[in-house]
Amino acid sequence: MATAYVDQKLLLDTKMSDAFDWSTSDIPVRDALWDYFMDHNNKNTLETESKMRPFMDCEDSKIKEFIESHLK
C-alpha cells in the first residue's frame, strides 16, 4: 500500500510570523482565523466552525488576501 507524501506545509499550519512579515504572532494561521471569527460572533463556536469551513479547501492566496484585509 502506497502512502501519500505531502512535501509542502499548509498555510493554515504555518505560524503567522512565518506567513506574514508584519506579524509577530507564533500561533498558526488556522488559530488566528479561528480567534478572529470567535471575536466577531460573540464566541459562537458553531458559527465560527461554519465560517472556517471554506478556508479548509481554499487556495493559499485567498487565505492571505482575507488575512491581509481583516487581521492586519
PDB file of N, CA and C in Angstrom:
ATOM      1  N   MET A   1       0.847  -1.169   0.000  1.00  0.00           N
ATOM      2  CA  MET A   1       0.000   0.000   0.000  1.00  0.00           C
ATOM      3  C   MET A   1       0.895   1.236   0.000  1.00  0.00           C
ATOM      4  N   ALA A   2       0.619   2.181  -0.890  1.00  0.00           N
ATOM      5  CA  ALA A   2       1.402   3.411  -1.004  1.00  0.00           C
ATOM      6  C   ALA A   2       0.878   4.460  -0.028  1.00  0.00           C
ATOM      7  N   THR A   3       1.788   5.228   0.501  1.00  0.00           N
ATOM      8  CA  THR A   3       1.443   6.312   1.396  1.00  0.00           C
ATOM      9  C   THR A   3       1.666   7.625   0.672  1.00  0.00           C
ATOM     10  N   ALA A   4       0.688   8.497   0.751  1.00  0.00           N
ATOM     11  CA  ALA A   4       0.811   9.814   0.111  1.00  0.00           C
ATOM     12  C   ALA A   4       1.788  10.657   0.913  1.00  0.00           C
ATOM     13  N   TYR A   5       2.643  11.363   0.221  1.00  0.00           N
ATOM     14  CA  TYR A   5       3.617  12.235   0.861  1.00  0.00           C
ATOM     15  C   TYR A   5       3.317  13.676   0.480  1.00  0.00           C
ATOM     16  N   VAL A   6       3.152  14.503   1.473  1.00  0.00           N
ATOM     17  CA  VAL A   6       2.905  15.919   1.239  1.00  0.00           C
ATOM     18  C   VAL A   6       4.196  16.655   1.553  1.00  0.00           C
ATOM     19  N   ASP A   7       4.776  17.283   0.532  1.00  0.00           N
ATOM     20  CA  ASP A   7       6.061  17.937   0.732  1.00  0.00           C
ATOM     21  C   ASP A   7       5.936  19.422   1.017  1.00  0.00           C
ATOM     22  N   GLN A   8       4.717  19.907   1.100  1.00  0.00           N
ATOM     23  CA  GLN A   8       4.515  21.328   1.342  1.00  0.00           C
ATOM     24  C   GLN A   8       3.667  21.508   2.589  1.00  0.00           C
ATOM     25  N   LYS A   9       4.097  22.375   3.452  1.00  0.00           N
ATOM     26  CA  LYS A   9       3.343  22.676   4.655  1.00  0.00           C
ATOM     27  C   LYS A   9       2.167  23.569   4.294  1.00  0.00           C
ATOM     28  N   LEU A  10       1.019  23.251   4.798  1.00  0.00           N
ATOM     29  CA  LEU A  10      -0.164  24.048   4.520  1.00  0.00           C
ATOM     30  C   LEU A  10      -0.045  25.421   5.163  1.00  0.00           C
ATOM     31  N   LEU A  11      -0.536  26.427   4.467  1.00  0.00           N
ATOM     32  CA  LEU A  11      -0.519  27.780   5.019  1.00  0.00           C
ATOM     33  C   LEU A  11      -1.251  27.819   6.358  1.00  0.00           C
ATOM     34  N   LEU A  12      -2.350  27.098   6.456  1.00  0.00           N
ATOM     35  CA  LEU A  12      -3.118  27.103   7.705  1.00  0.00           C
ATOM     36  C   LEU A  12      -2.312  26.591   8.893  1.00  0.00           C
ATOM     37  N   ASP A  13      -1.306  25.774   8.642  1.00  0.00           N
ATOM     38  CA  ASP A  13      -0.488  25.222   9.715  1.00  0.00           C
ATOM     39  C   ASP A  13       0.789  26.025   9.965  1.00  0.00           C
ATOM     40  N   THR A  14       0.999  27.075   9.191  1.00  0.00           N
ATOM     41  CA  THR A  14       2.197  27.905   9.306  1.00  0.00           C
ATOM     42  C   THR A  14       1.995  28.966  10.384  1.00  0.00           C
ATOM     43  N   LYS A  15       3.045  29.269  11.128  1.00  0.00           N
ATOM     44  CA  LYS A  15       2.968  30.333  12.130  1.00  0.00           C
ATOM     45  C   LYS A  15       2.681  31.661  11.428  1.00  0.00           C
ATOM     46  N   MET A  16       1.888  32.486  12.064  1.00  0.00           N
ATOM     47  CA  MET A  16       1.557  33.796  11.494  1.00  0.00           C
ATOM     48  C   MET A  16       2.821  34.589  11.156  1.00  0.00           C
ATOM     49  N   SER A  17       3.809  34.553  12.036  1.00  0.00           N
ATOM     50  CA  SER A  17       5.041  35.327  11.811  1.00  0.00           C
ATOM     51  C   SER A  17       5.852  34.795  10.639  1.00  0.00           C
ATOM     52  N   ASP A  18       5.699  33.513  10.310  1.00  0.00           N
ATOM     53  CA  ASP A  18       6.381  32.950   9.145  1.00  0.00           C
ATOM     54  C   ASP A  18       5.627  33.250   7.846  1.00  0.00           C
ATOM     55  N   ALA A  19       4.323  33.374   7.944  1.00  0.00           N
ATOM     56  CA  ALA A  19       3.496  33.600   6.755  1.00  0.00           C
ATOM     57  C   ALA A  19       3.376  35.076   6.393  1.00  0.00           C
ATOM     58  N   PHE A  20       3.462  35.950   7.405  1.00  0.00           N
ATOM     59  CA  PHE A  20       3.257  37.386   7.187  1.00  0.00           C
ATOM     60  C   PHE A  20       4.368  38.163   7.875  1.00  0.00           C
ATOM     61  N   ASP A  21       5.071  38.975   7.115  1.00  0.00           N
ATOM     62  CA  ASP A  21       6.207  39.704   7.682  1.00  0.00           C
ATOM     63  C   ASP A  21       5.796  40.759   8.701  1.00  0.00           C
ATOM     64  N   TRP A  22       4.547  41.172   8.708  1.00  0.00           N
ATOM     65  CA  TRP A  22       4.060  42.167   9.659  1.00  0.00           C
ATOM     66  C   TRP A  22       3.619  41.551  10.990  1.00  0.00           C
ATOM     67  N   SER A  23       3.517  40.230  11.045  1.00  0.00           N
ATOM     68  CA  SER A  23       3.037  39.570  12.253  1.00  0.00           C
ATOM     69  C   SER A  23       4.195  39.139  13.150  1.00  0.00           C
ATOM     70  N   THR A  24       3.957  39.225  14.450  1.00  0.00           N
ATOM     71  CA  THR A  24       4.924  38.730  15.427  1.00  0.00           C
ATOM     72  C   THR A  24       4.363  37.534  16.198  1.00  0.00           C
ATOM     73  N   SER A  25       3.180  37.080  15.787  1.00  0.00           N
ATOM     74  CA  SER A  25       2.493  36.001  16.489  1.00  0.00           C
ATOM     75  C   SER A  25       3.062  34.636  16.112  1.00  0.00           C
ATOM     76  N   ASP A  26       3.198  33.772  17.101  1.00  0.00           N
ATOM     77  CA  ASP A  26       3.679  32.412  16.882  1.00  0.00           C
ATOM     78  C   ASP A  26       2.541  31.404  16.709  1.00  0.00           C
ATOM     79  N   ILE A  27       1.298  31.867  16.758  1.00  0.00           N
ATOM     80  CA  ILE A  27       0.193  30.923  16.595  1.00  0.00           C
ATOM     81  C   ILE A  27       0.008  30.598  15.107  1.00  0.00           C
ATOM     82  N   PRO A  28      -0.509  29.420  14.802  1.00  0.00           N
ATOM     83  CA  PRO A  28      -0.752  29.056  13.401  1.00  0.00           C
ATOM     84  C   PRO A  28      -1.827  29.940  12.771  1.00  0.00           C
ATOM     85  N   VAL A  29      -1.761  30.070  11.480  1.00  0.00           N
ATOM     86  CA  VAL A  29      -2.744  30.858  10.730  1.00  0.00           C
ATOM     87  C   VAL A  29      -4.150  30.361  11.045  1.00  0.00           C
ATOM     88  N   ARG A  30      -4.323  29.060  11.120  1.00  0.00           N
ATOM     89  CA  ARG A  30      -5.635  28.455  11.431  1.00  0.00           C
ATOM     90  C   ARG A  30      -6.191  29.011  12.749  1.00  0.00           C
ATOM     91  N   ASP A  31      -5.353  29.095  13.772  1.00  0.00           N
ATOM     92  CA  ASP A  31      -5.793  29.596  15.076  1.00  0.00           C
ATOM     93  C   ASP A  31      -6.090  31.087  15.033  1.00  0.00           C
ATOM     94  N   ALA A  32      -5.325  31.832  14.263  1.00  0.00           N
ATOM     95  CA  ALA A  32      -5.576  33.269  14.132  1.00  0.00           C
ATOM     96  C   ALA A  32      -6.936  33.508  13.482  1.00  0.00           C
ATOM     97  N   LEU A  33      -7.251  32.730  12.464  1.00  0.00           N
ATOM     98  CA  LEU A  33      -8.562  32.853  11.826  1.00  0.00           C
ATOM     99  C   LEU A  33      -9.672  32.464  12.796  1.00  0.00           C
ATOM    100  N   TRP A  34      -9.480  31.376  13.518  1.00  0.00           N
ATOM    101  CA  TRP A  34     -10.479  30.926  14.497  1.00  0.00           C
ATOM    102  C   TRP A  34     -10.724  32.024  15.533  1.00  0.00           C
ATOM    103  N   ASP A  35      -9.663  32.585  16.065  1.00  0.00           N
ATOM    104  CA  ASP A  35      -9.793  33.647  17.066  1.00  0.00           C
ATOM    105  C   ASP A  35     -10.522  34.863  16.490  1.00  0.00           C
ATOM    106  N   TYR A  36     -10.203  35.206  15.249  1.00  0.00           N
ATOM    107  CA  TYR A  36     -10.855  36.344  14.598  1.00  0.00           C
ATOM    108  C   TYR A  36     -12.367  36.124  14.516  1.00  0.00           C
ATOM    109  N   PHE A  37     -12.768  34.959  14.040  1.00  0.00           N
ATOM    110  CA  PHE A  37     -14.202  34.690  13.904  1.00  0.00           C
ATOM    111  C   PHE A  37     -14.886  34.599  15.264  1.00  0.00           C
ATOM    112  N   MET A  38     -14.227  33.996  16.240  1.00  0.00           N
ATOM    113  CA  MET A  38     -14.814  33.918  17.583  1.00  0.00           C
ATOM    114  C   MET A  38     -15.026  35.321  18.159  1.00  0.00           C
ATOM    115  N   ASP A  39     -14.070  36.200  17.943  1.00  0.00           N
ATOM    116  CA  ASP A  39     -14.177  37.570  18.452  1.00  0.00           C
ATOM    117  C   ASP A  39     -15.280  38.370  17.764  1.00  0.00           C
ATOM    118  N   HIS A  40     -15.644  37.969  16.549  1.00  0.00           N
ATOM    119  CA  HIS A  40     -16.623  38.730  15.774  1.00  0.00           C
ATOM    120  C   HIS A  40     -18.012  38.097  15.737  1.00  0.00           C
ATOM    121  N   ASN A  41     -18.236  37.070  16.531  1.00  0.00           N
ATOM    122  CA  ASN A  41     -19.581  36.472  16.561  1.00  0.00           C
ATOM    123  C   ASN A  41     -19.995  36.054  17.970  1.00  0.00           C
ATOM    124  N   ASN A  42     -19.556  36.806  18.946  1.00  0.00           N
ATOM    125  CA  ASN A  42     -19.946  36.553  20.345  1.00  0.00           C
ATOM    126  C   ASN A  42     -19.584  35.156  20.826  1.00  0.00           C
ATOM    127  N   LYS A  43     -18.420  34.656  20.380  1.00  0.00           N
ATOM    128  CA  LYS A  43     -17.883  33.359  20.826  1.00  0.00           C
ATOM    129  C   LYS A  43     -18.805  32.183  20.487  1.00  0.00           C
ATOM    130  N   ASN A  44     -19.519  32.284  19.377  1.00  0.00           N
ATOM    131  CA  ASN A  44     -20.400  31.222  18.923  1.00  0.00           C
ATOM    132  C   ASN A  44     -19.568  30.186  18.163  1.00  0.00           C
ATOM    133  N   THR A  45     -19.327  29.058  18.787  1.00  0.00           N
ATOM    134  CA  THR A  45     -18.466  28.029  18.214  1.00  0.00           C
ATOM    135  C   THR A  45     -19.028  27.464  16.913  1.00  0.00           C
ATOM    136  N   LEU A  46     -20.317  27.204  16.862  1.00  0.00           N
ATOM    137  CA  LEU A  46     -20.912  26.643  15.652  1.00  0.00           C
ATOM    138  C   LEU A  46     -20.827  27.615  14.484  1.00  0.00           C
ATOM    139  N   GLU A  47     -21.046  28.887  14.742  1.00  0.00           N
ATOM    140  CA  GLU A  47     -20.930  29.889  13.682  1.00  0.00           C
ATOM    141  C   GLU A  47     -19.474  30.013  13.233  1.00  0.00           C
ATOM    142  N   THR A  48     -18.558  29.964  14.175  1.00  0.00           N
ATOM    143  CA  THR A  48     -17.137  30.036  13.837  1.00  0.00           C
ATOM    144  C   THR A  48     -16.730  28.840  12.985  1.00  0.00           C
ATOM    145  N   GLU A  49     -17.196  27.671  13.355  1.00  0.00           N
ATOM    146  CA  GLU A  49     -16.904  26.475  12.567  1.00  0.00           C
ATOM    147  C   GLU A  49     -17.415  26.641  11.138  1.00  0.00           C
ATOM    148  N   SER A  50     -18.602  27.182  11.008  1.00  0.00           N
ATOM    149  CA  SER A  50     -19.184  27.409   9.688  1.00  0.00           C
ATOM    150  C   SER A  50     -18.360  28.410   8.880  1.00  0.00           C
ATOM    151  N   LYS A  51     -17.865  29.448   9.530  1.00  0.00           N
ATOM    152  CA  LYS A  51     -17.040  30.460   8.856  1.00  0.00           C
ATOM    153  C   LYS A  51     -15.676  29.899   8.466  1.00  0.00           C
ATOM    154  N   MET A  52     -15.158  28.968   9.247  1.00  0.00           N
ATOM    155  CA  MET A  52     -13.837  28.382   8.987  1.00  0.00           C
ATOM    156  C   MET A  52     -13.864  27.349   7.865  1.00  0.00           C
ATOM    157  N   ARG A  53     -14.977  26.690   7.678  1.00  0.00           N
ATOM    158  CA  ARG A  53     -15.075  25.581   6.717  1.00  0.00           C
ATOM    159  C   ARG A  53     -14.564  25.945   5.317  1.00  0.00           C
ATOM    160  N   PRO A  54     -14.928  27.098   4.747  1.00  0.00           N
ATOM    161  CA  PRO A  54     -14.430  27.421   3.399  1.00  0.00           C
ATOM    162  C   PRO A  54     -12.904  27.543   3.326  1.00  0.00           C
ATOM    163  N   PHE A  55     -12.265  27.903   4.411  1.00  0.00           N
ATOM    164  CA  PHE A  55     -10.812  28.072   4.418  1.00  0.00           C
ATOM    165  C   PHE A  55     -10.085  26.729   4.361  1.00  0.00           C
ATOM    166  N   MET A  56     -10.769  25.644   4.668  1.00  0.00           N
ATOM    167  CA  MET A  56     -10.133  24.333   4.671  1.00  0.00           C
ATOM    168  C   MET A  56      -9.765  23.866   3.262  1.00  0.00           C
ATOM    169  N   ASP A  57     -10.525  24.312   2.271  1.00  0.00           N
ATOM    170  CA  ASP A  57     -10.260  23.921   0.889  1.00  0.00           C
ATOM    171  C   ASP A  57      -9.878  25.113   0.014  1.00  0.00           C
ATOM    172  N   CYS A  58      -9.596  26.204   0.645  1.00  0.00           N
ATOM    173  CA  CYS A  58      -9.317  27.452  -0.059  1.00  0.00           C
ATOM    174  C   CYS A  58      -7.855  27.525  -0.508  1.00  0.00           C
ATOM    175  N   GLU A  59      -7.616  28.225  -1.598  1.00  0.00           N
ATOM    176  CA  GLU A  59      -6.247  28.451  -2.050  1.00  0.00           C
ATOM    177  C   GLU A  59      -5.527  29.365  -1.063  1.00  0.00           C
ATOM    178  N   ASP A  60      -4.228  29.155  -0.921  1.00  0.00           N
ATOM    179  CA  ASP A  60      -3.432  29.976  -0.004  1.00  0.00           C
ATOM    180  C   ASP A  60      -3.552  31.457  -0.317  1.00  0.00           C
ATOM    181  N   SER A  61      -3.620  31.803  -1.582  1.00  0.00           N
ATOM    182  CA  SER A  61      -3.702  33.221  -1.959  1.00  0.00           C
ATOM    183  C   SER A  61      -4.984  33.862  -1.436  1.00  0.00           C
ATOM    184  N   LYS A  62      -6.069  33.117  -1.419  1.00  0.00           N
ATOM    185  CA  LYS A  62      -7.347  33.638  -0.905  1.00  0.00           C
ATOM    186  C   LYS A  62      -7.289  33.798   0.615  1.00  0.00           C
ATOM    187  N   ILE A  63      -6.632  32.858   1.275  1.00  0.00           N
ATOM    188  CA  ILE A  63      -6.474  32.954   2.726  1.00  0.00           C
ATOM    189  C   ILE A  63      -5.630  34.173   3.068  1.00  0.00           C
ATOM    190  N   LYS A  64      -4.523  34.348   2.352  1.00  0.00           N
ATOM    191  CA  LYS A  64      -3.654  35.505   2.597  1.00  0.00           C
ATOM    192  C   LYS A  64      -4.397  36.806   2.352  1.00  0.00           C
ATOM    193  N   GLU A  65      -5.178  36.843   1.295  1.00  0.00           N
ATOM    194  CA  GLU A  65      -5.951  38.042   0.972  1.00  0.00           C
ATOM    195  C   GLU A  65      -6.915  38.387   2.102  1.00  0.00           C
ATOM    196  N   PHE A  66      -7.615  37.373   2.626  1.00  0.00           N
ATOM    197  CA  PHE A  66      -8.543  37.596   3.733  1.00  0.00           C
ATOM    198  C   PHE A  66      -7.814  38.110   4.962  1.00  0.00           C
ATOM    199  N   ILE A  67      -6.707  37.470   5.295  1.00  0.00           N
ATOM    200  CA  ILE A  67      -5.963  37.867   6.491  1.00  0.00           C
ATOM    201  C   ILE A  67      -5.401  39.276   6.347  1.00  0.00           C
ATOM    202  N   GLU A  68      -4.871  39.594   5.189  1.00  0.00           N
ATOM    203  CA  GLU A  68      -4.325  40.935   4.951  1.00  0.00           C
ATOM    204  C   GLU A  68      -5.393  42.010   5.124  1.00  0.00           C
ATOM    205  N   SER A  69      -6.621  41.720   4.718  1.00  0.00           N
ATOM    206  CA  SER A  69      -7.663  42.733   4.795  1.00  0.00           C
ATOM    207  C   SER A  69      -8.434  42.730   6.115  1.00  0.00           C
ATOM    208  N   HIS A  70      -8.323  41.673   6.920  1.00  0.00           N
ATOM    209  CA  HIS A  70      -9.106  41.601   8.151  1.00  0.00           C
ATOM    210  C   HIS A  70      -8.277  41.522   9.446  1.00  0.00           C
ATOM    211  N   LEU A  71      -7.103  40.926   9.386  1.00  0.00           N
ATOM    212  CA  LEU A  71      -6.327  40.716  10.606  1.00  0.00           C
ATOM    213  C   LEU A  71      -5.117  41.619  10.732  1.00  0.00           C
ATOM    214  N   LYS A  72      -4.739  42.264   9.678  1.00  0.00           N
ATOM    215  CA  LYS A  72      -3.520  43.074   9.712  1.00  0.00           C
ATOM    216  C   LYS A  72      -3.704  44.311  10.558  1.00  0.00           C
TER     217      LYS A  72
END
